[in-house]
PDB file of N, CA and C in Angstrom:
ATOM      1  N   MET A   1      -8.316 -36.149  21.101  1.00  0.00           N
ATOM      2  CA  MET A   1      -8.671 -35.524  19.830  1.00  0.00           C
ATOM      3  C   MET A   1      -7.964 -36.300  18.714  1.00  0.00           C
ATOM      4  N   SER A   2      -8.706 -36.693  17.686  1.00  0.00           N
ATOM      5  CA  SER A   2      -8.104 -37.426  16.582  1.00  0.00           C
ATOM      6  C   SER A   2      -7.268 -36.484  15.716  1.00  0.00           C
ATOM      7  N   GLU A   3      -6.434 -37.043  14.883  1.00  0.00           N
ATOM      8  CA  GLU A   3      -5.595 -36.223  14.004  1.00  0.00           C
ATOM      9  C   GLU A   3      -6.466 -35.390  13.057  1.00  0.00           C
ATOM     10  N   GLU A   4      -7.545 -35.987  12.565  1.00  0.00           N
ATOM     11  CA  GLU A   4      -8.454 -35.271  11.663  1.00  0.00           C
ATOM     12  C   GLU A   4      -9.102 -34.095  12.375  1.00  0.00           C
ATOM     13  N   GLN A   5      -9.560 -34.265  13.608  1.00  0.00           N
ATOM     14  CA  GLN A   5     -10.144 -33.186  14.367  1.00  0.00           C
ATOM     15  C   GLN A   5      -9.135 -32.066  14.606  1.00  0.00           C
ATOM     16  N   PHE A   6      -7.916 -32.454  14.934  1.00  0.00           N
ATOM     17  CA  PHE A   6      -6.871 -31.468  15.184  1.00  0.00           C
ATOM     18  C   PHE A   6      -6.594 -30.666  13.931  1.00  0.00           C
ATOM     19  N   THR A   7      -6.460 -31.341  12.784  1.00  0.00           N
ATOM     20  CA  THR A   7      -6.191 -30.668  11.538  1.00  0.00           C
ATOM     21  C   THR A   7      -7.302 -29.662  11.211  1.00  0.00           C
ATOM     22  N   ASN A   8      -8.550 -30.085  11.367  1.00  0.00           N
ATOM     23  CA  ASN A   8      -9.672 -29.193  11.060  1.00  0.00           C
ATOM     24  C   ASN A   8      -9.734 -28.007  12.011  1.00  0.00           C
ATOM     25  N   SER A   9      -9.377 -28.182  13.270  1.00  0.00           N
ATOM     26  CA  SER A   9      -9.463 -27.093  14.224  1.00  0.00           C
ATOM     27  C   SER A   9      -8.360 -26.046  14.060  1.00  0.00           C
ATOM     28  N   THR A  10      -7.294 -26.374  13.331  1.00  0.00           N
ATOM     29  CA  THR A  10      -6.200 -25.431  13.142  1.00  0.00           C
ATOM     30  C   THR A  10      -6.189 -24.803  11.758  1.00  0.00           C
ATOM     31  N   THR A  11      -7.197 -25.095  10.937  1.00  0.00           N
ATOM     32  CA  THR A  11      -7.267 -24.531   9.616  1.00  0.00           C
ATOM     33  C   THR A  11      -7.507 -23.026   9.725  1.00  0.00           C
ATOM     34  N   ILE A  12      -6.705 -22.263   9.010  1.00  0.00           N
ATOM     35  CA  ILE A  12      -6.868 -20.819   8.992  1.00  0.00           C
ATOM     36  C   ILE A  12      -7.478 -20.423   7.639  1.00  0.00           C
ATOM     37  N   GLU A  13      -8.593 -19.752   7.700  1.00  0.00           N
ATOM     38  CA  GLU A  13      -9.271 -19.345   6.484  1.00  0.00           C
ATOM     39  C   GLU A  13      -8.457 -18.254   5.787  1.00  0.00           C
ATOM     40  N   PRO A  14      -8.315 -18.353   4.447  1.00  0.00           N
ATOM     41  CA  PRO A  14      -7.593 -17.316   3.720  1.00  0.00           C
ATOM     42  C   PRO A  14      -8.261 -15.963   3.889  1.00  0.00           C
ATOM     43  N   GLY A  15      -7.474 -14.916   3.838  1.00  0.00           N
ATOM     44  CA  GLY A  15      -8.014 -13.562   3.940  1.00  0.00           C
ATOM     45  C   GLY A  15      -7.993 -12.854   2.626  1.00  0.00           C
ATOM     46  N   LEU A  16      -8.274 -11.589   2.649  1.00  0.00           N
ATOM     47  CA  LEU A  16      -8.203 -10.727   1.474  1.00  0.00           C
ATOM     48  C   LEU A  16      -6.786 -10.175   1.381  1.00  0.00           C
ATOM     49  N   LYS A  17      -6.122 -10.403   0.250  1.00  0.00           N
ATOM     50  CA  LYS A  17      -4.762  -9.883   0.087  1.00  0.00           C
ATOM     51  C   LYS A  17      -4.825  -8.407  -0.286  1.00  0.00           C
ATOM     52  N   VAL A  18      -4.075  -7.621   0.479  1.00  0.00           N
ATOM     53  CA  VAL A  18      -4.004  -6.161   0.307  1.00  0.00           C
ATOM     54  C   VAL A  18      -2.548  -5.842   0.006  1.00  0.00           C
ATOM     55  N   THR A  19      -2.268  -5.378  -1.214  1.00  0.00           N
ATOM     56  CA  THR A  19      -0.887  -5.081  -1.613  1.00  0.00           C
ATOM     57  C   THR A  19      -0.720  -3.601  -1.839  1.00  0.00           C
ATOM     58  N   ILE A  20       0.276  -3.024  -1.132  1.00  0.00           N
ATOM     59  CA  ILE A  20       0.590  -1.612  -1.234  1.00  0.00           C
ATOM     60  C   ILE A  20       2.083  -1.482  -1.438  1.00  0.00           C
ATOM     61  N   GLN A  21       2.483  -0.838  -2.534  1.00  0.00           N
ATOM     62  CA  GLN A  21       3.892  -0.599  -2.827  1.00  0.00           C
ATOM     63  C   GLN A  21       4.730  -1.871  -2.700  1.00  0.00           C
ATOM     64  N   GLY A  22       4.202  -2.973  -3.240  1.00  0.00           N
ATOM     65  CA  GLY A  22       4.959  -4.220  -3.268  1.00  0.00           C
ATOM     66  C   GLY A  22       4.883  -5.059  -2.002  1.00  0.00           C
ATOM     67  N   THR A  23       4.276  -4.560  -0.963  1.00  0.00           N
ATOM     68  CA  THR A  23       4.125  -5.330   0.288  1.00  0.00           C
ATOM     69  C   THR A  23       2.699  -5.852   0.409  1.00  0.00           C
ATOM     70  N   THR A  24       2.534  -7.147   0.677  1.00  0.00           N
ATOM     71  CA  THR A  24       1.218  -7.742   0.782  1.00  0.00           C
ATOM     72  C   THR A  24       0.870  -8.030   2.233  1.00  0.00           C
ATOM     73  N   TYR A  25      -0.325  -7.636   2.614  1.00  0.00           N
ATOM     74  CA  TYR A  25      -0.884  -7.862   3.945  1.00  0.00           C
ATOM     75  C   TYR A  25      -2.112  -8.760   3.776  1.00  0.00           C
ATOM     76  N   ILE A  26      -2.521  -9.421   4.824  1.00  0.00           N
ATOM     77  CA  ILE A  26      -3.732 -10.219   4.805  1.00  0.00           C
ATOM     78  C   ILE A  26      -4.776  -9.550   5.698  1.00  0.00           C
ATOM     79  N   ALA A  27      -5.906  -9.189   5.100  1.00  0.00           N
ATOM     80  CA  ALA A  27      -7.009  -8.583   5.835  1.00  0.00           C
ATOM     81  C   ALA A  27      -8.068  -9.637   6.126  1.00  0.00           C
ATOM     82  N   ARG A  28      -8.692  -9.521   7.268  1.00  0.00           N
ATOM     83  CA  ARG A  28      -9.759 -10.444   7.682  1.00  0.00           C
ATOM     84  C   ARG A  28     -11.061  -9.660   7.825  1.00  0.00           C
ATOM     85  N   ASP A  29     -12.155 -10.394   7.951  1.00  0.00           N
ATOM     86  CA  ASP A  29     -13.462  -9.796   8.118  1.00  0.00           C
ATOM     87  C   ASP A  29     -13.441  -8.799   9.278  1.00  0.00           C
ATOM     88  N   GLY A  30     -13.847  -7.565   9.011  1.00  0.00           N
ATOM     89  CA  GLY A  30     -13.884  -6.520  10.034  1.00  0.00           C
ATOM     90  C   GLY A  30     -12.660  -5.613  10.079  1.00  0.00           C
ATOM     91  N   ASP A  31     -11.617  -5.959   9.337  1.00  0.00           N
ATOM     92  CA  ASP A  31     -10.411  -5.125   9.309  1.00  0.00           C
ATOM     93  C   ASP A  31     -10.698  -3.796   8.601  1.00  0.00           C
ATOM     94  N   VAL A  32      -9.859  -2.808   8.910  1.00  0.00           N
ATOM     95  CA  VAL A  32     -10.027  -1.454   8.380  1.00  0.00           C
ATOM     96  C   VAL A  32      -8.721  -1.014   7.724  1.00  0.00           C
ATOM     97  N   LEU A  33      -8.846  -0.432   6.519  1.00  0.00           N
ATOM     98  CA  LEU A  33      -7.690   0.198   5.877  1.00  0.00           C
ATOM     99  C   LEU A  33      -7.780   1.692   6.101  1.00  0.00           C
ATOM    100  N   GLY A  34      -6.695   2.296   6.554  1.00  0.00           N
ATOM    101  CA  GLY A  34      -6.673   3.723   6.804  1.00  0.00           C
ATOM    102  C   GLY A  34      -5.524   4.078   7.708  1.00  0.00           C
ATOM    103  N   ARG A  35      -5.360   5.391   7.948  1.00  0.00           N
ATOM    104  CA  ARG A  35      -4.258   5.852   8.775  1.00  0.00           C
ATOM    105  C   ARG A  35      -4.327   5.269  10.189  1.00  0.00           C
ATOM    106  N   GLU A  36      -5.538   5.044  10.689  1.00  0.00           N
ATOM    107  CA  GLU A  36      -5.710   4.444  12.018  1.00  0.00           C
ATOM    108  C   GLU A  36      -6.417   3.084  11.894  1.00  0.00           C
ATOM    109  N   GLY A  37      -6.166   2.368  10.804  1.00  0.00           N
ATOM    110  CA  GLY A  37      -6.810   1.108  10.545  1.00  0.00           C
ATOM    111  C   GLY A  37      -6.141  -0.038  11.275  1.00  0.00           C
ATOM    112  N   THR A  38      -6.515  -1.236  10.877  1.00  0.00           N
ATOM    113  CA  THR A  38      -5.982  -2.454  11.515  1.00  0.00           C
ATOM    114  C   THR A  38      -5.055  -3.219  10.589  1.00  0.00           C
ATOM    115  N   VAL A  39      -4.945  -2.820   9.315  1.00  0.00           N
ATOM    116  CA  VAL A  39      -4.095  -3.493   8.320  1.00  0.00           C
ATOM    117  C   VAL A  39      -3.269  -2.445   7.592  1.00  0.00           C
ATOM    118  N   ALA A  40      -2.004  -2.775   7.358  1.00  0.00           N
ATOM    119  CA  ALA A  40      -1.109  -1.936   6.547  1.00  0.00           C
ATOM    120  C   ALA A  40      -0.907  -0.536   7.123  1.00  0.00           C
ATOM    121  N   THR A  41      -0.978  -0.404   8.429  1.00  0.00           N
ATOM    122  CA  THR A  41      -0.796   0.920   9.034  1.00  0.00           C
ATOM    123  C   THR A  41       0.617   1.464   8.816  1.00  0.00           C
ATOM    124  N   GLU A  42       1.590   0.570   8.614  1.00  0.00           N
ATOM    125  CA  GLU A  42       2.959   1.029   8.322  1.00  0.00           C
ATOM    126  C   GLU A  42       2.997   1.833   7.025  1.00  0.00           C
ATOM    127  N   GLU A  43       2.209   1.381   6.044  1.00  0.00           N
ATOM    128  CA  GLU A  43       2.178   2.047   4.734  1.00  0.00           C
ATOM    129  C   GLU A  43       1.199   3.232   4.723  1.00  0.00           C
ATOM    130  N   LEU A  44       0.043   3.065   5.339  1.00  0.00           N
ATOM    131  CA  LEU A  44      -1.029   4.057   5.232  1.00  0.00           C
ATOM    132  C   LEU A  44      -0.959   5.168   6.291  1.00  0.00           C
ATOM    133  N   GLY A  45      -0.292   4.920   7.392  1.00  0.00           N
ATOM    134  CA  GLY A  45      -0.280   5.840   8.517  1.00  0.00           C
ATOM    135  C   GLY A  45       0.258   7.226   8.214  1.00  0.00           C
ATOM    136  N   SER A  46       1.135   7.336   7.250  1.00  0.00           N
ATOM    137  CA  SER A  46       1.748   8.642   6.969  1.00  0.00           C
ATOM    138  C   SER A  46       1.184   9.322   5.724  1.00  0.00           C
ATOM    139  N   ILE A  47       0.152   8.747   5.104  1.00  0.00           N
ATOM    140  CA  ILE A  47      -0.423   9.338   3.894  1.00  0.00           C
ATOM    141  C   ILE A  47      -1.632  10.202   4.310  1.00  0.00           C
ATOM    142  N   ASN A  48      -1.426  11.524   4.327  1.00  0.00           N
ATOM    143  CA  ASN A  48      -2.453  12.445   4.816  1.00  0.00           C
ATOM    144  C   ASN A  48      -3.729  12.441   3.983  1.00  0.00           C
ATOM    145  N   THR A  49      -3.644  12.021   2.722  1.00  0.00           N
ATOM    146  CA  THR A  49      -4.816  12.007   1.854  1.00  0.00           C
ATOM    147  C   THR A  49      -5.664  10.740   2.013  1.00  0.00           C
ATOM    148  N   VAL A  50      -5.234   9.860   2.923  1.00  0.00           N
ATOM    149  CA  VAL A  50      -6.004   8.671   3.265  1.00  0.00           C
ATOM    150  C   VAL A  50      -6.722   8.954   4.587  1.00  0.00           C
ATOM    151  N   SER A  51      -8.015   8.656   4.664  1.00  0.00           N
ATOM    152  CA  SER A  51      -8.753   8.870   5.875  1.00  0.00           C
ATOM    153  C   SER A  51      -8.318   7.929   6.984  1.00  0.00           C
ATOM    154  N   ARG A  52      -8.640   8.286   8.206  1.00  0.00           N
ATOM    155  CA  ARG A  52      -8.259   7.446   9.346  1.00  0.00           C
ATOM    156  C   ARG A  52      -8.898   6.055   9.229  1.00  0.00           C
ATOM    157  N   ARG A  53     -10.154   6.001   8.824  1.00  0.00           N
ATOM    158  CA  ARG A  53     -10.874   4.729   8.609  1.00  0.00           C
ATOM    159  C   ARG A  53     -11.447   4.808   7.189  1.00  0.00           C
ATOM    160  N   HIS A  54     -10.624   4.519   6.215  1.00  0.00           N
ATOM    161  CA  HIS A  54     -10.950   4.773   4.812  1.00  0.00           C
ATOM    162  C   HIS A  54     -11.784   3.650   4.165  1.00  0.00           C
ATOM    163  N   ALA A  55     -11.519   2.411   4.516  1.00  0.00           N
ATOM    164  CA  ALA A  55     -12.211   1.283   3.889  1.00  0.00           C
ATOM    165  C   ALA A  55     -12.358   0.148   4.891  1.00  0.00           C
ATOM    166  N   VAL A  56     -13.514  -0.506   4.863  1.00  0.00           N
ATOM    167  CA  VAL A  56     -13.781  -1.623   5.776  1.00  0.00           C
ATOM    168  C   VAL A  56     -13.892  -2.908   4.955  1.00  0.00           C
ATOM    169  N   VAL A  57     -13.208  -3.930   5.426  1.00  0.00           N
ATOM    170  CA  VAL A  57     -13.196  -5.241   4.769  1.00  0.00           C
ATOM    171  C   VAL A  57     -14.257  -6.125   5.434  1.00  0.00           C
ATOM    172  N   SER A  58     -15.039  -6.828   4.627  1.00  0.00           N
ATOM    173  CA  SER A  58     -16.016  -7.754   5.182  1.00  0.00           C
ATOM    174  C   SER A  58     -16.114  -8.999   4.276  1.00  0.00           C
ATOM    175  N   LYS A  59     -16.635 -10.058   4.871  1.00  0.00           N
ATOM    176  CA  LYS A  59     -16.853 -11.299   4.139  1.00  0.00           C
ATOM    177  C   LYS A  59     -18.261 -11.781   4.409  1.00  0.00           C
ATOM    178  N   ARG A  60     -19.001 -12.029   3.325  1.00  0.00           N
ATOM    179  CA  ARG A  60     -20.373 -12.512   3.428  1.00  0.00           C
ATOM    180  C   ARG A  60     -20.602 -13.602   2.397  1.00  0.00           C
ATOM    181  N   GLU A  61     -21.177 -14.698   2.819  1.00  0.00           N
ATOM    182  CA  GLU A  61     -21.539 -15.802   1.951  1.00  0.00           C
ATOM    183  C   GLU A  61     -20.367 -16.253   1.075  1.00  0.00           C
ATOM    184  N   GLY A  62     -19.151 -16.222   1.653  1.00  0.00           N
ATOM    185  CA  GLY A  62     -17.966 -16.693   0.969  1.00  0.00           C
ATOM    186  C   GLY A  62     -17.284 -15.686   0.054  1.00  0.00           C
ATOM    187  N   PHE A  63     -17.793 -14.457  -0.006  1.00  0.00           N
ATOM    188  CA  PHE A  63     -17.208 -13.425  -0.851  1.00  0.00           C
ATOM    189  C   PHE A  63     -16.672 -12.272  -0.022  1.00  0.00           C
ATOM    190  N   TRP A  64     -15.592 -11.661  -0.500  1.00  0.00           N
ATOM    191  CA  TRP A  64     -14.994 -10.503   0.166  1.00  0.00           C
ATOM    192  C   TRP A  64     -15.607  -9.223  -0.406  1.00  0.00           C
ATOM    193  N   PHE A  65     -15.745  -8.220   0.475  1.00  0.00           N
ATOM    194  CA  PHE A  65     -16.279  -6.912   0.085  1.00  0.00           C
ATOM    195  C   PHE A  65     -15.409  -5.819   0.699  1.00  0.00           C
ATOM    196  N   ILE A  66     -15.432  -4.657   0.066  1.00  0.00           N
ATOM    197  CA  ILE A  66     -14.790  -3.474   0.619  1.00  0.00           C
ATOM    198  C   ILE A  66     -15.862  -2.367   0.655  1.00  0.00           C
ATOM    199  N   THR A  67     -15.949  -1.652   1.764  1.00  0.00           N
ATOM    200  CA  THR A  67     -16.953  -0.614   1.908  1.00  0.00           C
ATOM    201  C   THR A  67     -16.250   0.690   2.302  1.00  0.00           C
ATOM    202  N   ILE A  68     -16.591   1.757   1.611  1.00  0.00           N
ATOM    203  CA  ILE A  68     -16.047   3.070   1.939  1.00  0.00           C
ATOM    204  C   ILE A  68     -17.119   3.800   2.762  1.00  0.00           C
ATOM    205  N   PRO A  69     -16.807   4.135   4.014  1.00  0.00           N
ATOM    206  CA  PRO A  69     -17.798   4.804   4.875  1.00  0.00           C
ATOM    207  C   PRO A  69     -18.180   6.200   4.366  1.00  0.00           C
ATOM    208  N   LYS A  70     -19.366   6.664   4.731  1.00  0.00           N
ATOM    209  CA  LYS A  70     -19.828   8.012   4.345  1.00  0.00           C
ATOM    210  C   LYS A  70     -18.907   9.103   4.845  1.00  0.00           C
ATOM    211  N   SER A  71     -18.188   8.827   5.921  1.00  0.00           N
ATOM    212  CA  SER A  71     -17.311   9.838   6.524  1.00  0.00           C
ATOM    213  C   SER A  71     -16.082  10.147   5.671  1.00  0.00           C
ATOM    214  N   VAL A  72     -15.797   9.346   4.649  1.00  0.00           N
ATOM    215  CA  VAL A  72     -14.620   9.566   3.802  1.00  0.00           C
ATOM    216  C   VAL A  72     -14.958  10.612   2.749  1.00  0.00           C
ATOM    217  N   ASN A  73     -14.210  11.716   2.765  1.00  0.00           N
ATOM    218  CA  ASN A  73     -14.453  12.818   1.835  1.00  0.00           C
ATOM    219  C   ASN A  73     -13.645  12.709   0.547  1.00  0.00           C
ATOM    220  N   ASN A  74     -12.485  12.071   0.639  1.00  0.00           N
ATOM    221  CA  ASN A  74     -11.604  11.994  -0.531  1.00  0.00           C
ATOM    222  C   ASN A  74     -12.189  11.113  -1.619  1.00  0.00           C
ATOM    223  N   SER A  75     -11.858  11.448  -2.842  1.00  0.00           N
ATOM    224  CA  SER A  75     -12.245  10.601  -3.980  1.00  0.00           C
ATOM    225  C   SER A  75     -11.612   9.227  -3.779  1.00  0.00           C
ATOM    226  N   THR A  76     -12.418   8.194  -3.941  1.00  0.00           N
ATOM    227  CA  THR A  76     -11.953   6.806  -3.817  1.00  0.00           C
ATOM    228  C   THR A  76     -12.514   6.023  -4.993  1.00  0.00           C
ATOM    229  N   LYS A  77     -11.609   5.388  -5.737  1.00  0.00           N
ATOM    230  CA  LYS A  77     -12.037   4.679  -6.948  1.00  0.00           C
ATOM    231  C   LYS A  77     -11.682   3.212  -6.877  1.00  0.00           C
ATOM    232  N   LEU A  78     -12.562   2.384  -7.399  1.00  0.00           N
ATOM    233  CA  LEU A  78     -12.340   0.962  -7.506  1.00  0.00           C
ATOM    234  C   LEU A  78     -12.336   0.648  -8.995  1.00  0.00           C
ATOM    235  N   ASP A  79     -11.205   0.199  -9.500  1.00  0.00           N
ATOM    236  CA  ASP A  79     -11.043  -0.074 -10.939  1.00  0.00           C
ATOM    237  C   ASP A  79     -11.414   1.151 -11.785  1.00  0.00           C
ATOM    238  N   GLY A  80     -11.077   2.331 -11.308  1.00  0.00           N
ATOM    239  CA  GLY A  80     -11.279   3.565 -12.070  1.00  0.00           C
ATOM    240  C   GLY A  80     -12.629   4.221 -11.886  1.00  0.00           C
ATOM    241  N   MET A  81     -13.540   3.609 -11.165  1.00  0.00           N
ATOM    242  CA  MET A  81     -14.886   4.153 -10.969  1.00  0.00           C
ATOM    243  C   MET A  81     -15.032   4.636  -9.522  1.00  0.00           C
ATOM    244  N   GLU A  82     -15.613   5.835  -9.365  1.00  0.00           N
ATOM    245  CA  GLU A  82     -15.856   6.384  -8.025  1.00  0.00           C
ATOM    246  C   GLU A  82     -16.721   5.398  -7.235  1.00  0.00           C
ATOM    247  N   VAL A  83     -16.320   5.166  -5.955  1.00  0.00           N
ATOM    248  CA  VAL A  83     -17.046   4.222  -5.101  1.00  0.00           C
ATOM    249  C   VAL A  83     -18.164   4.928  -4.359  1.00  0.00           C
ATOM    250  N   GLU A  84     -19.359   4.380  -4.427  1.00  0.00           N
ATOM    251  CA  GLU A  84     -20.495   4.892  -3.675  1.00  0.00           C
ATOM    252  C   GLU A  84     -20.251   4.614  -2.190  1.00  0.00           C
ATOM    253  N   ARG A  85     -20.509   5.590  -1.342  1.00  0.00           N
ATOM    254  CA  ARG A  85     -20.276   5.426   0.089  1.00  0.00           C
ATOM    255  C   ARG A  85     -21.288   4.482   0.726  1.00  0.00           C
ATOM    256  N   ASP A  86     -20.817   3.718   1.705  1.00  0.00           N
ATOM    257  CA  ASP A  86     -21.648   2.763   2.455  1.00  0.00           C
ATOM    258  C   ASP A  86     -22.301   1.713   1.560  1.00  0.00           C
ATOM    259  N   ALA A  87     -21.725   1.455   0.388  1.00  0.00           N
ATOM    260  CA  ALA A  87     -22.244   0.424  -0.516  1.00  0.00           C
ATOM    261  C   ALA A  87     -21.142  -0.631  -0.725  1.00  0.00           C
ATOM    262  N   PRO A  88     -21.277  -1.799  -0.101  1.00  0.00           N
ATOM    263  CA  PRO A  88     -20.241  -2.832  -0.209  1.00  0.00           C
ATOM    264  C   PRO A  88     -19.941  -3.179  -1.658  1.00  0.00           C
ATOM    265  N   GLN A  89     -18.639  -3.239  -1.986  1.00  0.00           N
ATOM    266  CA  GLN A  89     -18.180  -3.569  -3.331  1.00  0.00           C
ATOM    267  C   GLN A  89     -17.544  -4.949  -3.304  1.00  0.00           C
ATOM    268  N   LYS A  90     -18.040  -5.851  -4.124  1.00  0.00           N
ATOM    269  CA  LYS A  90     -17.548  -7.229  -4.159  1.00  0.00           C
ATOM    270  C   LYS A  90     -16.150  -7.295  -4.774  1.00  0.00           C
ATOM    271  N   ILE A  91     -15.280  -8.039  -4.116  1.00  0.00           N
ATOM    272  CA  ILE A  91     -13.917  -8.226  -4.627  1.00  0.00           C
ATOM    273  C   ILE A  91     -13.879  -9.621  -5.242  1.00  0.00           C
ATOM    274  N   ASN A  92     -14.165  -9.695  -6.512  1.00  0.00           N
ATOM    275  CA  ASN A  92     -14.166 -10.974  -7.235  1.00  0.00           C
ATOM    276  C   ASN A  92     -13.032 -10.944  -8.243  1.00  0.00           C
ATOM    277  N   GLY A  93     -11.896 -11.453  -7.838  1.00  0.00           N
ATOM    278  CA  GLY A  93     -10.681 -11.335  -8.657  1.00  0.00           C
ATOM    279  C   GLY A  93      -9.890 -10.134  -8.205  1.00  0.00           C
ATOM    280  N   THR A  94      -8.830  -9.830  -8.894  1.00  0.00           N
ATOM    281  CA  THR A  94      -7.954  -8.716  -8.513  1.00  0.00           C
ATOM    282  C   THR A  94      -8.614  -7.389  -8.869  1.00  0.00           C
ATOM    283  N   ARG A  95      -8.654  -6.479  -7.891  1.00  0.00           N
ATOM    284  CA  ARG A  95      -9.264  -5.162  -8.085  1.00  0.00           C
ATOM    285  C   ARG A  95      -8.269  -4.102  -7.619  1.00  0.00           C
ATOM    286  N   ILE A  96      -8.343  -2.918  -8.194  1.00  0.00           N
ATOM    287  CA  ILE A  96      -7.458  -1.810  -7.831  1.00  0.00           C
ATOM    288  C   ILE A  96      -8.268  -0.741  -7.110  1.00  0.00           C
ATOM    289  N   LEU A  97      -7.874  -0.454  -5.866  1.00  0.00           N
ATOM    290  CA  LEU A  97      -8.535   0.550  -5.051  1.00  0.00           C
ATOM    291  C   LEU A  97      -7.605   1.764  -4.954  1.00  0.00           C
ATOM    292  N   LYS A  98      -8.053   2.869  -5.496  1.00  0.00           N
ATOM    293  CA  LYS A  98      -7.267   4.107  -5.434  1.00  0.00           C
ATOM    294  C   LYS A  98      -7.859   4.952  -4.314  1.00  0.00           C
ATOM    295  N   MET A  99      -7.175   4.924  -3.153  1.00  0.00           N
ATOM    296  CA  MET A  99      -7.663   5.619  -1.988  1.00  0.00           C
ATOM    297  C   MET A  99      -7.386   7.118  -2.034  1.00  0.00           C
ATOM    298  N   SER A 100      -6.390   7.505  -2.828  1.00  0.00           N
ATOM    299  CA  SER A 100      -6.060   8.915  -3.065  1.00  0.00           C
ATOM    300  C   SER A 100      -5.061   8.949  -4.210  1.00  0.00           C
ATOM    301  N   GLU A 101      -4.686  10.125  -4.628  1.00  0.00           N
ATOM    302  CA  GLU A 101      -3.695  10.237  -5.717  1.00  0.00           C
ATOM    303  C   GLU A 101      -2.390   9.562  -5.358  1.00  0.00           C
ATOM    304  N   SER A 102      -2.050   9.513  -4.077  1.00  0.00           N
ATOM    305  CA  SER A 102      -0.768   8.945  -3.662  1.00  0.00           C
ATOM    306  C   SER A 102      -0.894   7.565  -3.019  1.00  0.00           C
ATOM    307  N   CYS A 103      -2.065   6.925  -3.139  1.00  0.00           N
ATOM    308  CA  CYS A 103      -2.251   5.631  -2.505  1.00  0.00           C
ATOM    309  C   CYS A 103      -3.096   4.687  -3.347  1.00  0.00           C
ATOM    310  N   VAL A 104      -2.406   3.743  -3.988  1.00  0.00           N
ATOM    311  CA  VAL A 104      -3.094   2.742  -4.790  1.00  0.00           C
ATOM    312  C   VAL A 104      -2.873   1.368  -4.166  1.00  0.00           C
ATOM    313  N   VAL A 105      -3.980   0.645  -3.983  1.00  0.00           N
ATOM    314  CA  VAL A 105      -3.955  -0.653  -3.284  1.00  0.00           C
ATOM    315  C   VAL A 105      -4.515  -1.714  -4.238  1.00  0.00           C
ATOM    316  N   THR A 106      -3.855  -2.875  -4.280  1.00  0.00           N
ATOM    317  CA  THR A 106      -4.375  -4.001  -5.047  1.00  0.00           C
ATOM    318  C   THR A 106      -5.054  -4.958  -4.041  1.00  0.00           C
ATOM    319  N   LEU A 107      -6.270  -5.351  -4.358  1.00  0.00           N
ATOM    320  CA  LEU A 107      -7.048  -6.251  -3.529  1.00  0.00           C
ATOM    321  C   LEU A 107      -7.292  -7.557  -4.302  1.00  0.00           C
ATOM    322  N   SER A 108      -7.103  -8.696  -3.645  1.00  0.00           N
ATOM    323  CA  SER A 108      -7.427  -9.969  -4.286  1.00  0.00           C
ATOM    324  C   SER A 108      -7.756 -11.010  -3.247  1.00  0.00           C
ATOM    325  N   PRO A 109      -8.788 -11.818  -3.499  1.00  0.00           N
ATOM    326  CA  PRO A 109      -9.147 -12.855  -2.557  1.00  0.00           C
ATOM    327  C   PRO A 109      -8.006 -13.817  -2.341  1.00  0.00           C
ATOM    328  N   GLY A 110      -7.855 -14.307  -1.084  1.00  0.00           N
ATOM    329  CA  GLY A 110      -6.786 -15.228  -0.763  1.00  0.00           C
ATOM    330  C   GLY A 110      -7.115 -16.650  -1.075  1.00  0.00           C
TER     331      GLY A 110
END
């Protein structure tokens, strides 16, 4: 394997930066934010007003999206606006996701 091939095969694609209370996590396509999610469970696991699977991260055509499933009952706002359920929201630049009164998350493409 040439050096160029090796370099290309080890490239890690940037993820979506998820910042909660000053700690930043990297989310990848398919990750879930929530009490039983795959990212930031240390921060979100003890917040009862956050659903078990509150938000799903996805990447399509080079852009990051966050989707709030229909099963989430709590008010969830993106940049101050209530998020429509099961409607992917594009993360273009830094966005603020308020998952509950006690949980505010900053999202930004990596």
